[in-house]
């Protein structure tokens, strides 16, 4: 496994574990390659929430990671389970 593949694996694991901590029933899927990764999060917790509220809930999982610069962008989509 090359360095980029190792980095992407570490990044997806970081993102998945950060979401599961705050949204335990979340199903996380990643699409795309390299810097064009897109994350889809599916959770029953999103029921009754507007899409913007769902996205805010997901993004709030990474407040510290964005502040520190570990993450600088995250493309997401959300759905109700």
C-alpha atoms as a PDB file:
ATOM      1  CA  UNK A   1       0.000   0.000   0.000  1.00  0.00           C
ATOM      2  CA  UNK A   2       1.411   3.351  -1.084  1.00  0.00           C
ATOM      3  CA  UNK A   3       1.616   6.489   1.059  1.00  0.00           C
ATOM      4  CA  UNK A   4      -1.502   8.072  -0.456  1.00  0.00           C
ATOM      5  CA  UNK A   5      -3.559   4.924   0.116  1.00  0.00           C
ATOM      6  CA  UNK A   6      -2.326   4.768   3.730  1.00  0.00           C
ATOM      7  CA  UNK A   7      -3.225   8.414   4.244  1.00  0.00           C
ATOM      8  CA  UNK A   8      -6.727   7.954   2.790  1.00  0.00           C
ATOM      9  CA  UNK A   9      -7.313   4.876   4.939  1.00  0.00           C
ATOM     10  CA  UNK A  10      -6.243   6.781   8.064  1.00  0.00           C
ATOM     11  CA  UNK A  11      -8.415   9.750   7.075  1.00  0.00           C
ATOM     12  CA  UNK A  12     -11.537   7.655   6.449  1.00  0.00           C
ATOM     13  CA  UNK A  13     -11.002   5.817   9.739  1.00  0.00           C
ATOM     14  CA  UNK A  14     -10.645   9.144  11.574  1.00  0.00           C
ATOM     15  CA  UNK A  15     -13.820  10.524   9.998  1.00  0.00           C
ATOM     16  CA  UNK A  16     -15.827   7.330  10.587  1.00  0.00           C
ATOM     17  CA  UNK A  17     -14.795   7.060  14.268  1.00  0.00           C
ATOM     18  CA  UNK A  18     -15.526  10.772  14.854  1.00  0.00           C
ATOM     19  CA  UNK A  19     -19.049  10.354  13.522  1.00  0.00           C
ATOM     20  CA  UNK A  20     -19.758   7.120  15.397  1.00  0.00           C
ATOM     21  CA  UNK A  21     -18.832   8.812  18.693  1.00  0.00           C
ATOM     22  CA  UNK A  22     -21.666  11.334  18.309  1.00  0.00           C
ATOM     23  CA  UNK A  23     -24.059   9.455  15.990  1.00  0.00           C
ATOM     24  CA  UNK A  24     -23.761   5.801  17.108  1.00  0.00           C
ATOM     25  CA  UNK A  25     -26.130   4.312  14.520  1.00  0.00           C
ATOM     26  CA  UNK A  26     -24.475   6.104  11.595  1.00  0.00           C
ATOM     27  CA  UNK A  27     -23.564   4.236   8.439  1.00  0.00           C
ATOM     28  CA  UNK A  28     -20.655   5.953   6.697  1.00  0.00           C
ATOM     29  CA  UNK A  29     -19.717   5.420   3.046  1.00  0.00           C
ATOM     30  CA  UNK A  30     -16.923   7.115   1.152  1.00  0.00           C
ATOM     31  CA  UNK A  31     -16.924   7.785  -2.598  1.00  0.00           C
ATOM     32  CA  UNK A  32     -14.333   9.247  -4.914  1.00  0.00           C
ATOM     33  CA  UNK A  33     -10.583   9.409  -4.794  1.00  0.00           C
ATOM     34  CA  UNK A  34      -7.801  11.377  -3.211  1.00  0.00           C
ATOM     35  CA  UNK A  35      -8.834  14.956  -2.373  1.00  0.00           C
ATOM     36  CA  UNK A  36     -12.235  14.450  -4.000  1.00  0.00           C
ATOM     37  CA  UNK A  37     -13.647  12.157  -1.333  1.00  0.00           C
ATOM     38  CA  UNK A  38     -17.325  12.449  -0.571  1.00  0.00           C
ATOM     39  CA  UNK A  39     -18.905  11.100   2.602  1.00  0.00           C
ATOM     40  CA  UNK A  40     -22.456   9.820   2.876  1.00  0.00           C
ATOM     41  CA  UNK A  41     -23.900   9.444   6.377  1.00  0.00           C
ATOM     42  CA  UNK A  42     -27.139   7.558   7.001  1.00  0.00           C
ATOM     43  CA  UNK A  43     -28.743   7.678  10.457  1.00  0.00           C
ATOM     44  CA  UNK A  44     -32.124   7.369  12.133  1.00  0.00           C
ATOM     45  CA  UNK A  45     -31.109  10.385  14.237  1.00  0.00           C
ATOM     46  CA  UNK A  46     -31.706  12.562  11.178  1.00  0.00           C
ATOM     47  CA  UNK A  47     -35.443  11.838  11.196  1.00  0.00           C
ATOM     48  CA  UNK A  48     -37.421  15.091  11.304  1.00  0.00           C
ATOM     49  CA  UNK A  49     -34.313  17.222  10.702  1.00  0.00           C
ATOM     50  CA  UNK A  50     -33.827  19.522   7.725  1.00  0.00           C
ATOM     51  CA  UNK A  51     -30.842  18.660   5.542  1.00  0.00           C
ATOM     52  CA  UNK A  52     -28.902  21.686   6.809  1.00  0.00           C
ATOM     53  CA  UNK A  53     -29.447  20.473  10.385  1.00  0.00           C
ATOM     54  CA  UNK A  54     -28.248  16.987   9.418  1.00  0.00           C
ATOM     55  CA  UNK A  55     -25.108  18.447   7.862  1.00  0.00           C
ATOM     56  CA  UNK A  56     -24.451  20.645  10.892  1.00  0.00           C
ATOM     57  CA  UNK A  57     -24.757  17.607  13.153  1.00  0.00           C
ATOM     58  CA  UNK A  58     -22.186  15.709  11.074  1.00  0.00           C
ATOM     59  CA  UNK A  59     -19.814  18.663  10.791  1.00  0.00           C
ATOM     60  CA  UNK A  60     -20.012  19.307  14.551  1.00  0.00           C
ATOM     61  CA  UNK A  61     -18.260  15.956  15.026  1.00  0.00           C
ATOM     62  CA  UNK A  62     -15.110  17.570  13.624  1.00  0.00           C
ATOM     63  CA  UNK A  63     -15.061  21.006  15.212  1.00  0.00           C
ATOM     64  CA  UNK A  64     -11.638  20.401  16.815  1.00  0.00           C
ATOM     65  CA  UNK A  65     -10.211  18.732  13.691  1.00  0.00           C
ATOM     66  CA  UNK A  66     -11.144  21.767  11.565  1.00  0.00           C
ATOM     67  CA  UNK A  67      -9.730  24.179  14.170  1.00  0.00           C
ATOM     68  CA  UNK A  68      -6.421  22.292  14.317  1.00  0.00           C
ATOM     69  CA  UNK A  69      -6.134  22.031  10.534  1.00  0.00           C
ATOM     70  CA  UNK A  70      -6.238  18.230  10.533  1.00  0.00           C
ATOM     71  CA  UNK A  71      -9.315  18.573   8.302  1.00  0.00           C
ATOM     72  CA  UNK A  72      -9.858  21.545   6.034  1.00  0.00           C
ATOM     73  CA  UNK A  73     -12.866  20.421   3.983  1.00  0.00           C
ATOM     74  CA  UNK A  74     -15.413  17.626   3.989  1.00  0.00           C
ATOM     75  CA  UNK A  75     -17.977  16.980   1.266  1.00  0.00           C
ATOM     76  CA  UNK A  76     -21.006  15.256   2.746  1.00  0.00           C
ATOM     77  CA  UNK A  77     -24.473  14.017   1.977  1.00  0.00           C
ATOM     78  CA  UNK A  78     -26.923  12.704   4.543  1.00  0.00           C
ATOM     79  CA  UNK A  79     -29.990  10.479   4.544  1.00  0.00           C
ATOM     80  CA  UNK A  80     -32.440   9.190   7.122  1.00  0.00           C
ATOM     81  CA  UNK A  81     -32.125   5.508   7.928  1.00  0.00           C
END
